[in-house]
């Protein structure tokens, strides 16, 4: 019992076999060469498709980058205009601030507030200090304090 399996040759194997055998050589050489040509054309087409997709993605990225650059340049122009406007108004605002003086009433309120804060801190300090000291016990000591001679 022998089982006969028909194995297909690859194009490269067919070309090699065709070159070795002379009887079936021309047919195998032709089939191998055509098969290799078809395979290489398929690989080239696949590579072209991949390159095209890659370039399409790059074109899309270029468009997005150009759009982002345009947006950033518009925002920078707007920010520059706002900064120039603010700088132009700055001397007037500084002159206005120099003209305004604090009244004695304001200074008195600030001084009073500072004194109240200092007094509150002093009270808090004394309360905390007293709470950390242990109070002496009203009971006599349980251990004899004076040593015997």
Protein backbone atom coordinates (compact mmCIF):
# COMPACT_ATOMS: atom_id res chain seq x y z
CA UNK A 1 0.00 0.00 0.00
CA UNK A 2 1.61 3.13 -1.11
CA UNK A 3 0.00 6.46 -0.95
CA UNK A 4 0.92 8.84 -3.63
CA UNK A 5 0.94 12.47 -2.59
CA UNK A 6 1.19 15.16 -5.18
CA UNK A 7 3.33 17.94 -3.81
CA UNK A 8 3.39 21.21 -5.62
CA UNK A 9 6.71 22.72 -6.43
CA UNK A 10 7.47 26.32 -5.75
CA UNK A 11 8.49 28.45 -8.67
CA UNK A 12 12.10 28.48 -7.58
CA UNK A 13 12.14 24.67 -7.20
CA UNK A 14 10.53 24.23 -10.59
CA UNK A 15 13.16 26.48 -12.20
CA UNK A 16 15.96 24.54 -10.51
CA UNK A 17 14.46 21.21 -11.55
CA UNK A 18 13.97 22.44 -15.11
CA UNK A 19 17.57 23.43 -15.35
CA UNK A 20 18.69 19.99 -14.12
CA UNK A 21 16.44 17.84 -16.21
CA UNK A 22 16.78 18.14 -19.92
CA UNK A 23 13.64 16.31 -21.02
CA UNK A 24 11.16 18.49 -19.17
CA UNK A 25 13.61 21.32 -18.90
CA UNK A 26 12.20 23.88 -21.29
CA UNK A 27 8.67 23.54 -19.95
CA UNK A 28 9.76 23.74 -16.33
CA UNK A 29 12.16 26.58 -17.04
CA UNK A 30 9.37 28.53 -18.73
CA UNK A 31 6.84 27.82 -16.00
CA UNK A 32 9.37 28.68 -13.28
CA UNK A 33 10.40 31.93 -14.94
CA UNK A 34 6.77 32.97 -15.50
CA UNK A 35 5.85 32.06 -11.92
CA UNK A 36 8.77 34.01 -10.50
CA UNK A 37 7.85 36.98 -12.69
CA UNK A 38 4.23 36.88 -11.54
CA UNK A 39 5.30 36.60 -7.89
CA UNK A 40 7.72 39.51 -8.19
CA UNK A 41 5.07 41.62 -9.96
CA UNK A 42 2.62 40.86 -7.11
CA UNK A 43 5.22 41.81 -4.52
CA UNK A 44 6.01 45.01 -6.39
CA UNK A 45 2.30 45.90 -6.62
CA UNK A 46 1.88 45.25 -2.89
CA UNK A 47 4.87 47.45 -2.11
CA UNK A 48 3.52 50.20 -4.38
CA UNK A 49 0.16 50.03 -2.59
CA UNK A 50 1.87 50.25 0.77
CA UNK A 51 3.98 53.21 -0.33
CA UNK A 52 0.90 54.97 -1.70
CA UNK A 53 -0.98 54.51 1.58
CA UNK A 54 2.05 55.73 3.49
CA UNK A 55 2.34 58.82 1.31
CA UNK A 56 -1.41 59.48 1.67
CA UNK A 57 -1.01 59.41 5.44
CA UNK A 58 1.96 61.74 5.17
CA UNK A 59 -0.04 64.14 2.98
CA UNK A 60 -2.83 64.15 5.56
CA UNK A 61 -0.32 64.79 8.34
CA UNK A 62 1.20 67.65 6.35
CA UNK A 63 -2.25 69.21 5.95
CA UNK A 64 -2.94 68.90 9.68
CA UNK A 65 0.47 70.32 10.52
CA UNK A 66 -0.07 73.29 8.20
CA UNK A 67 -3.47 73.90 9.78
CA UNK A 68 -2.00 73.75 13.28
CA UNK A 69 0.81 76.12 12.32
CA UNK A 70 -1.69 78.57 10.90
CA UNK A 71 -3.80 78.40 14.07
CA UNK A 72 -0.76 78.92 16.28
CA UNK A 73 0.42 81.88 14.22
CA UNK A 74 -3.05 83.48 14.46
CA UNK A 75 -3.12 82.96 18.23
CA UNK A 76 0.40 84.36 18.61
CA UNK A 77 -0.56 87.42 16.57
CA UNK A 78 -3.61 87.97 18.76
CA UNK A 79 -1.55 87.51 21.94
CA UNK A 80 1.10 89.92 20.65
CA UNK A 81 -1.56 92.54 19.90
CA UNK A 82 -3.03 92.12 23.39
CA UNK A 83 0.42 92.40 24.98
CA UNK A 84 1.19 95.57 23.02
CA UNK A 85 -2.13 97.07 24.08
CA UNK A 86 -1.46 96.21 27.72
CA UNK A 87 2.05 97.68 27.54
CA UNK A 88 0.67 100.84 25.97
CA UNK A 89 -1.80 101.25 28.86
CA UNK A 90 0.78 100.43 31.56
CA UNK A 91 2.27 103.95 32.05
CA UNK A 92 -1.21 105.44 32.54
CA UNK A 93 -2.09 102.79 35.09
CA UNK A 94 1.18 103.29 36.95
CA UNK A 95 0.59 107.04 37.11
CA UNK A 96 -2.92 106.41 38.45
CA UNK A 97 -1.62 104.00 41.08
CA UNK A 98 1.04 106.46 42.21
CA UNK A 99 -1.58 109.18 42.65
CA UNK A 100 -3.70 107.05 44.93
CA UNK A 101 -2.53 107.17 48.53
CA UNK A 102 -3.59 105.09 51.42
CA UNK A 103 -5.53 106.99 53.98
CA UNK A 104 -4.69 107.03 57.71
CA UNK A 105 -7.83 105.04 58.33
CA UNK A 106 -6.48 102.16 56.23
CA UNK A 107 -3.15 102.17 58.07
CA UNK A 108 -4.95 102.21 61.40
CA UNK A 109 -7.06 99.19 60.38
CA UNK A 110 -3.97 97.27 59.27
CA UNK A 111 -2.12 98.06 62.52
CA UNK A 112 -5.13 97.06 64.65
CA UNK A 113 -5.49 93.79 62.73
CA UNK A 114 -1.80 93.00 63.25
CA UNK A 115 -2.07 93.68 66.99
CA UNK A 116 -5.12 91.40 67.27
CA UNK A 117 -3.30 88.61 65.45
CA UNK A 118 -0.24 88.95 67.72
CA UNK A 119 -2.41 88.94 70.85
CA UNK A 120 -4.26 85.84 69.64
CA UNK A 121 -0.95 84.10 68.99
CA UNK A 122 0.30 84.93 72.49
CA UNK A 123 -2.88 83.56 74.09
CA UNK A 124 -2.70 80.38 72.01
CA UNK A 125 0.97 79.94 72.97
CA UNK A 126 0.28 80.19 76.69
CA UNK A 127 -2.67 77.79 76.50
CA UNK A 128 -0.61 75.21 74.62
CA UNK A 129 2.32 75.63 77.00
CA UNK A 130 0.16 75.12 80.09
CA UNK A 131 -1.50 72.05 78.60
CA UNK A 132 1.86 70.33 78.05
CA UNK A 133 2.97 70.68 81.71
CA UNK A 134 1.84 67.84 83.96
CA UNK A 135 -0.14 68.94 86.97
CA UNK A 136 1.24 67.83 90.34
CA UNK A 137 -0.75 65.05 91.96
CA UNK A 138 -2.57 65.87 95.21
CA UNK A 139 -1.80 62.36 96.50
CA UNK A 140 1.39 61.60 98.38
CA UNK A 141 4.08 59.74 96.44
CA UNK A 142 3.80 55.95 96.50
CA UNK A 143 7.58 55.55 96.67
CA UNK A 144 9.67 56.92 99.52
CA UNK A 145 11.35 60.08 98.35
CA UNK A 146 14.09 60.34 100.97
CA UNK A 147 16.54 57.42 100.98
CA UNK A 148 17.35 55.75 104.27
CA UNK A 149 20.92 56.02 105.54
